[in-house]
Amino acid sequence: MSNYLVALEAAWLVRDVEAIDDAIGVAVSEAGRRLNEANKEFVDVEVGATPCPACGEPFDSAFIAASTALVGLMLEIEVFNADSEEHATRIAKSEVGGALRDVPLEVIDVIETEADDEDE
């Protein structure tokens, strides 16, 4: 069994907002609060990055229209003792998805990490 770091992208809606920085702050705060309430403090929450179509440089994944923002969040969770990458992905989506109901999630990356050498 192996350990995996699973990165998920979440689409977060923020209503009644005028500035990108405010939307990002609200999205990260609300996602963190919901994860903490569900005892998922081990999930890292950050704003995602989207490449510029013209130059390729990354910028914050946030867009505002009609005082409503769509913010792309990057969520990272370490999954221990999974049988495979697919198993780790299912565990990660179940853990995060259970706390963030009605939030679209997509797996971005799965990286196998070193297993602990300690016997349990």
N, C-alpha and C. Protein backbone atom coordinates (compact mmCIF):
# COMPACT_ATOMS: atom_id res chain seq x y z
N MET A 1 0.85 -1.18 0.00
CA MET A 1 0.00 0.00 0.00
C MET A 1 0.89 1.24 0.00
N SER A 2 0.42 2.26 -0.67
CA SER A 2 1.21 3.48 -0.83
C SER A 2 0.45 4.69 -0.33
N ASN A 3 1.19 5.76 -0.16
CA ASN A 3 0.61 7.05 0.20
C ASN A 3 0.60 7.94 -1.04
N TYR A 4 -0.41 8.78 -1.16
CA TYR A 4 -0.55 9.64 -2.33
C TYR A 4 -0.95 11.04 -1.91
N LEU A 5 -0.46 12.03 -2.64
CA LEU A 5 -0.91 13.41 -2.50
C LEU A 5 -1.85 13.66 -3.68
N VAL A 6 -3.11 13.98 -3.36
CA VAL A 6 -4.13 14.16 -4.39
C VAL A 6 -4.52 15.64 -4.42
N ALA A 7 -4.44 16.24 -5.60
CA ALA A 7 -4.83 17.64 -5.80
C ALA A 7 -6.17 17.67 -6.53
N LEU A 8 -7.13 18.39 -5.94
CA LEU A 8 -8.46 18.53 -6.52
C LEU A 8 -8.71 20.00 -6.83
N GLU A 9 -9.46 20.24 -7.88
CA GLU A 9 -9.90 21.60 -8.19
C GLU A 9 -11.38 21.68 -7.85
N ALA A 10 -11.77 22.77 -7.17
CA ALA A 10 -13.16 22.99 -6.80
C ALA A 10 -13.65 24.30 -7.41
N ALA A 11 -14.89 24.30 -7.88
CA ALA A 11 -15.51 25.51 -8.41
C ALA A 11 -16.39 26.10 -7.31
N TRP A 12 -16.05 27.29 -6.81
CA TRP A 12 -16.74 27.90 -5.68
C TRP A 12 -17.44 29.19 -6.11
N LEU A 13 -18.73 29.29 -5.84
CA LEU A 13 -19.50 30.50 -6.16
C LEU A 13 -19.53 31.44 -4.96
N VAL A 14 -19.30 32.71 -5.22
CA VAL A 14 -19.40 33.75 -4.18
C VAL A 14 -20.34 34.81 -4.71
N ARG A 15 -21.40 35.09 -3.96
CA ARG A 15 -22.41 36.06 -4.40
C ARG A 15 -22.20 37.41 -3.73
N ASP A 16 -22.72 38.45 -4.35
CA ASP A 16 -22.67 39.82 -3.82
C ASP A 16 -21.25 40.27 -3.52
N VAL A 17 -20.41 40.21 -4.52
CA VAL A 17 -19.01 40.60 -4.36
C VAL A 17 -18.63 41.51 -5.53
N GLU A 18 -17.77 42.47 -5.27
CA GLU A 18 -17.38 43.44 -6.30
C GLU A 18 -15.93 43.30 -6.73
N ALA A 19 -15.07 42.78 -5.87
CA ALA A 19 -13.63 42.72 -6.16
C ALA A 19 -13.13 41.27 -6.16
N ILE A 20 -12.18 40.99 -7.03
CA ILE A 20 -11.59 39.65 -7.13
C ILE A 20 -10.96 39.22 -5.81
N ASP A 21 -10.19 40.12 -5.18
CA ASP A 21 -9.54 39.77 -3.91
C ASP A 21 -10.55 39.40 -2.84
N ASP A 22 -11.68 40.12 -2.80
CA ASP A 22 -12.73 39.80 -1.83
C ASP A 22 -13.33 38.43 -2.13
N ALA A 23 -13.58 38.15 -3.40
CA ALA A 23 -14.15 36.86 -3.79
C ALA A 23 -13.22 35.71 -3.40
N ILE A 24 -11.94 35.88 -3.65
CA ILE A 24 -10.96 34.85 -3.30
C ILE A 24 -10.93 34.64 -1.79
N GLY A 25 -10.90 35.72 -1.03
CA GLY A 25 -10.87 35.62 0.42
C GLY A 25 -12.10 34.90 0.97
N VAL A 26 -13.27 35.25 0.45
CA VAL A 26 -14.51 34.61 0.90
C VAL A 26 -14.51 33.13 0.54
N ALA A 27 -14.11 32.79 -0.68
CA ALA A 27 -14.12 31.40 -1.12
C ALA A 27 -13.18 30.54 -0.28
N VAL A 28 -11.96 31.01 -0.07
CA VAL A 28 -10.99 30.24 0.73
C VAL A 28 -11.49 30.11 2.17
N SER A 29 -12.03 31.19 2.72
CA SER A 29 -12.53 31.17 4.09
C SER A 29 -13.72 30.21 4.25
N GLU A 30 -14.69 30.29 3.34
CA GLU A 30 -15.87 29.42 3.42
C GLU A 30 -15.49 27.95 3.25
N ALA A 31 -14.62 27.66 2.29
CA ALA A 31 -14.19 26.27 2.08
C ALA A 31 -13.45 25.75 3.31
N GLY A 32 -12.56 26.56 3.86
CA GLY A 32 -11.82 26.16 5.06
C GLY A 32 -12.74 25.92 6.24
N ARG A 33 -13.73 26.79 6.40
CA ARG A 33 -14.69 26.64 7.51
C ARG A 33 -15.47 25.34 7.36
N ARG A 34 -15.97 25.06 6.16
CA ARG A 34 -16.75 23.84 5.96
C ARG A 34 -15.89 22.59 6.15
N LEU A 35 -14.65 22.63 5.73
CA LEU A 35 -13.76 21.49 5.94
C LEU A 35 -13.44 21.31 7.42
N ASN A 36 -13.20 22.41 8.14
CA ASN A 36 -12.92 22.33 9.57
C ASN A 36 -14.12 21.80 10.35
N GLU A 37 -15.33 22.24 9.99
CA GLU A 37 -16.53 21.76 10.66
C GLU A 37 -16.71 20.25 10.48
N ALA A 38 -16.24 19.73 9.38
CA ALA A 38 -16.35 18.30 9.09
C ALA A 38 -15.10 17.53 9.55
N ASN A 39 -14.27 18.17 10.37
CA ASN A 39 -13.03 17.56 10.88
C ASN A 39 -12.10 17.12 9.75
N LYS A 40 -11.97 17.96 8.74
CA LYS A 40 -11.06 17.71 7.61
C LYS A 40 -9.98 18.80 7.57
N GLU A 41 -9.41 19.11 8.73
CA GLU A 41 -8.40 20.16 8.82
C GLU A 41 -7.14 19.83 8.02
N PHE A 42 -6.99 18.57 7.64
CA PHE A 42 -5.79 18.13 6.93
C PHE A 42 -5.83 18.44 5.43
N VAL A 43 -6.89 19.08 4.96
CA VAL A 43 -7.01 19.46 3.55
C VAL A 43 -6.47 20.88 3.39
N ASP A 44 -5.49 21.06 2.51
CA ASP A 44 -4.94 22.39 2.23
C ASP A 44 -5.81 23.07 1.18
N VAL A 45 -6.17 24.34 1.44
CA VAL A 45 -7.02 25.11 0.53
C VAL A 45 -6.24 26.32 0.04
N GLU A 46 -6.17 26.49 -1.29
CA GLU A 46 -5.50 27.63 -1.91
C GLU A 46 -6.31 28.04 -3.12
N VAL A 47 -6.09 29.26 -3.58
CA VAL A 47 -6.72 29.68 -4.84
C VAL A 47 -5.96 29.01 -5.98
N GLY A 48 -6.69 28.57 -6.99
CA GLY A 48 -6.08 27.92 -8.14
C GLY A 48 -5.46 28.94 -9.08
N ALA A 49 -4.77 28.45 -10.08
CA ALA A 49 -4.15 29.31 -11.09
C ALA A 49 -4.62 28.87 -12.47
N THR A 50 -4.87 29.85 -13.32
CA THR A 50 -5.29 29.62 -14.69
C THR A 50 -4.29 30.29 -15.62
N PRO A 51 -3.82 29.59 -16.65
CA PRO A 51 -2.87 30.23 -17.56
C PRO A 51 -3.57 31.25 -18.47
N CYS A 52 -2.91 32.36 -18.69
CA CYS A 52 -3.41 33.38 -19.61
C CYS A 52 -3.41 32.80 -21.02
N PRO A 53 -4.53 32.94 -21.75
CA PRO A 53 -4.56 32.38 -23.11
C PRO A 53 -3.59 33.07 -24.07
N ALA A 54 -3.23 34.31 -23.79
CA ALA A 54 -2.34 35.05 -24.70
C ALA A 54 -0.87 34.77 -24.41
N CYS A 55 -0.48 34.88 -23.12
CA CYS A 55 0.95 34.78 -22.80
C CYS A 55 1.33 33.52 -22.03
N GLY A 56 0.34 32.81 -21.48
CA GLY A 56 0.63 31.59 -20.74
C GLY A 56 0.97 31.79 -19.28
N GLU A 57 1.12 33.04 -18.83
CA GLU A 57 1.43 33.32 -17.43
C GLU A 57 0.22 32.97 -16.55
N PRO A 58 0.45 32.36 -15.39
CA PRO A 58 -0.68 32.01 -14.51
C PRO A 58 -1.23 33.24 -13.79
N PHE A 59 -2.55 33.24 -13.58
CA PHE A 59 -3.20 34.25 -12.76
C PHE A 59 -4.25 33.57 -11.92
N ASP A 60 -4.73 34.24 -10.86
CA ASP A 60 -5.71 33.65 -9.96
C ASP A 60 -6.96 33.22 -10.71
N SER A 61 -7.46 32.04 -10.39
CA SER A 61 -8.67 31.50 -11.02
C SER A 61 -9.90 32.12 -10.38
N ALA A 62 -10.27 33.30 -10.84
CA ALA A 62 -11.46 33.97 -10.33
C ALA A 62 -12.02 34.86 -11.41
N PHE A 63 -13.35 34.88 -11.51
CA PHE A 63 -14.04 35.67 -12.52
C PHE A 63 -15.32 36.22 -11.90
N ILE A 64 -15.58 37.52 -12.11
CA ILE A 64 -16.79 38.14 -11.58
C ILE A 64 -17.67 38.61 -12.73
N ALA A 65 -18.97 38.29 -12.62
CA ALA A 65 -19.98 38.81 -13.53
C ALA A 65 -21.26 38.98 -12.73
N ALA A 66 -21.91 40.13 -12.87
CA ALA A 66 -23.17 40.41 -12.18
C ALA A 66 -23.04 40.21 -10.67
N SER A 67 -21.95 40.70 -10.11
CA SER A 67 -21.68 40.63 -8.66
C SER A 67 -21.62 39.20 -8.12
N THR A 68 -21.37 38.24 -9.00
CA THR A 68 -21.21 36.85 -8.59
C THR A 68 -19.88 36.35 -9.13
N ALA A 69 -19.10 35.74 -8.26
CA ALA A 69 -17.77 35.26 -8.65
C ALA A 69 -17.72 33.74 -8.71
N LEU A 70 -16.96 33.26 -9.65
CA LEU A 70 -16.60 31.85 -9.71
C LEU A 70 -15.11 31.79 -9.41
N VAL A 71 -14.78 31.11 -8.31
CA VAL A 71 -13.39 31.02 -7.86
C VAL A 71 -12.95 29.56 -7.95
N GLY A 72 -11.85 29.33 -8.61
CA GLY A 72 -11.27 27.99 -8.69
C GLY A 72 -10.34 27.78 -7.50
N LEU A 73 -10.66 26.81 -6.67
CA LEU A 73 -9.83 26.50 -5.50
C LEU A 73 -9.04 25.23 -5.75
N MET A 74 -7.82 25.19 -5.22
CA MET A 74 -6.99 24.00 -5.27
C MET A 74 -7.00 23.38 -3.88
N LEU A 75 -7.42 22.14 -3.79
CA LEU A 75 -7.49 21.42 -2.52
C LEU A 75 -6.52 20.26 -2.58
N GLU A 76 -5.66 20.15 -1.58
CA GLU A 76 -4.70 19.05 -1.53
C GLU A 76 -4.93 18.22 -0.28
N ILE A 77 -4.92 16.90 -0.45
CA ILE A 77 -5.12 15.98 0.65
C ILE A 77 -4.14 14.82 0.49
N GLU A 78 -3.54 14.41 1.59
CA GLU A 78 -2.66 13.25 1.56
C GLU A 78 -3.48 12.03 1.96
N VAL A 79 -3.44 11.02 1.11
CA VAL A 79 -4.17 9.78 1.34
C VAL A 79 -3.16 8.69 1.69
N PHE A 80 -3.38 8.03 2.82
CA PHE A 80 -2.45 7.01 3.31
C PHE A 80 -2.99 5.61 3.02
N ASN A 81 -2.08 4.70 2.72
CA ASN A 81 -2.38 3.27 2.56
C ASN A 81 -3.44 2.99 1.50
N ALA A 82 -3.30 3.60 0.36
CA ALA A 82 -4.21 3.34 -0.76
C ALA A 82 -3.61 2.24 -1.65
N ASP A 83 -4.48 1.47 -2.27
CA ASP A 83 -4.02 0.37 -3.13
C ASP A 83 -3.44 0.85 -4.46
N SER A 84 -3.97 1.98 -4.97
CA SER A 84 -3.54 2.49 -6.27
C SER A 84 -3.88 3.97 -6.36
N GLU A 85 -3.47 4.61 -7.47
CA GLU A 85 -3.83 6.01 -7.70
C GLU A 85 -5.34 6.17 -7.77
N GLU A 86 -6.00 5.23 -8.44
CA GLU A 86 -7.47 5.29 -8.56
C GLU A 86 -8.13 5.19 -7.19
N HIS A 87 -7.63 4.30 -6.34
CA HIS A 87 -8.17 4.15 -4.99
C HIS A 87 -7.96 5.43 -4.19
N ALA A 88 -6.77 6.02 -4.30
CA ALA A 88 -6.48 7.27 -3.60
C ALA A 88 -7.40 8.40 -4.07
N THR A 89 -7.67 8.42 -5.37
CA THR A 89 -8.57 9.43 -5.93
C THR A 89 -9.97 9.28 -5.37
N ARG A 90 -10.47 8.05 -5.31
CA ARG A 90 -11.81 7.82 -4.77
C ARG A 90 -11.89 8.22 -3.30
N ILE A 91 -10.85 7.91 -2.53
CA ILE A 91 -10.82 8.28 -1.11
C ILE A 91 -10.82 9.79 -0.97
N ALA A 92 -9.98 10.48 -1.74
CA ALA A 92 -9.88 11.94 -1.65
C ALA A 92 -11.20 12.60 -2.01
N LYS A 93 -11.83 12.17 -3.10
CA LYS A 93 -13.10 12.76 -3.51
C LYS A 93 -14.19 12.49 -2.48
N SER A 94 -14.16 11.33 -1.86
CA SER A 94 -15.14 11.01 -0.83
C SER A 94 -14.95 11.88 0.41
N GLU A 95 -13.70 12.02 0.86
CA GLU A 95 -13.41 12.82 2.06
C GLU A 95 -13.76 14.29 1.84
N VAL A 96 -13.28 14.86 0.74
CA VAL A 96 -13.50 16.28 0.48
C VAL A 96 -14.95 16.53 0.04
N GLY A 97 -15.46 15.67 -0.82
CA GLY A 97 -16.82 15.83 -1.31
C GLY A 97 -17.87 15.73 -0.22
N GLY A 98 -17.60 14.92 0.79
CA GLY A 98 -18.53 14.80 1.90
C GLY A 98 -18.66 16.10 2.69
N ALA A 99 -17.57 16.84 2.79
CA ALA A 99 -17.59 18.11 3.53
C ALA A 99 -18.07 19.27 2.65
N LEU A 100 -17.81 19.19 1.36
CA LEU A 100 -18.16 20.28 0.44
C LEU A 100 -19.27 19.82 -0.51
N ARG A 101 -20.41 19.50 0.06
CA ARG A 101 -21.55 19.06 -0.74
C ARG A 101 -21.91 20.12 -1.78
N ASP A 102 -22.36 19.68 -2.94
CA ASP A 102 -22.80 20.55 -4.03
C ASP A 102 -21.69 21.43 -4.60
N VAL A 103 -20.43 21.07 -4.37
CA VAL A 103 -19.30 21.79 -4.94
C VAL A 103 -18.65 20.87 -5.97
N PRO A 104 -18.61 21.29 -7.24
CA PRO A 104 -17.98 20.45 -8.26
C PRO A 104 -16.49 20.25 -7.97
N LEU A 105 -16.03 19.00 -8.05
CA LEU A 105 -14.63 18.65 -7.81
C LEU A 105 -14.08 17.92 -9.02
N GLU A 106 -12.82 18.19 -9.33
CA GLU A 106 -12.13 17.48 -10.40
C GLU A 106 -10.71 17.18 -9.94
N VAL A 107 -10.26 15.96 -10.19
CA VAL A 107 -8.90 15.57 -9.83
C VAL A 107 -7.93 16.22 -10.82
N ILE A 108 -6.94 16.93 -10.28
CA ILE A 108 -5.94 17.61 -11.10
C ILE A 108 -4.67 16.78 -11.20
N ASP A 109 -4.24 16.21 -10.06
CA ASP A 109 -2.97 15.49 -10.04
C ASP A 109 -2.96 14.50 -8.89
N VAL A 110 -2.27 13.39 -9.08
CA VAL A 110 -2.07 12.39 -8.03
C VAL A 110 -0.59 12.04 -8.04
N ILE A 111 0.07 12.20 -6.90
CA ILE A 111 1.50 11.94 -6.79
C ILE A 111 1.73 10.92 -5.68
N GLU A 112 2.45 9.87 -5.99
CA GLU A 112 2.78 8.88 -4.97
C GLU A 112 3.89 9.46 -4.09
N THR A 113 3.70 9.37 -2.78
CA THR A 113 4.68 9.88 -1.82
C THR A 113 5.32 8.70 -1.09
N GLU A 114 6.37 9.01 -0.36
CA GLU A 114 7.07 7.96 0.38
C GLU A 114 6.23 7.46 1.53
N ALA A 115 6.20 6.15 1.69
CA ALA A 115 5.48 5.54 2.80
C ALA A 115 6.33 5.64 4.06
N ASP A 116 5.68 5.76 5.21
CA ASP A 116 6.39 5.77 6.48
C ASP A 116 6.97 4.39 6.73
N ASP A 117 8.19 4.35 7.29
CA ASP A 117 8.84 3.08 7.57
C ASP A 117 8.48 2.53 8.94
N GLU A 118 7.68 3.30 9.70
CA GLU A 118 7.32 2.88 11.05
C GLU A 118 6.26 1.79 11.00
N ASP A 119 6.40 0.80 11.87
CA ASP A 119 5.37 -0.24 11.99
C ASP A 119 4.30 0.26 12.93
N GLU A 120 3.05 -0.03 12.60
CA GLU A 120 1.95 0.41 13.47
C GLU A 120 1.63 -0.64 14.46
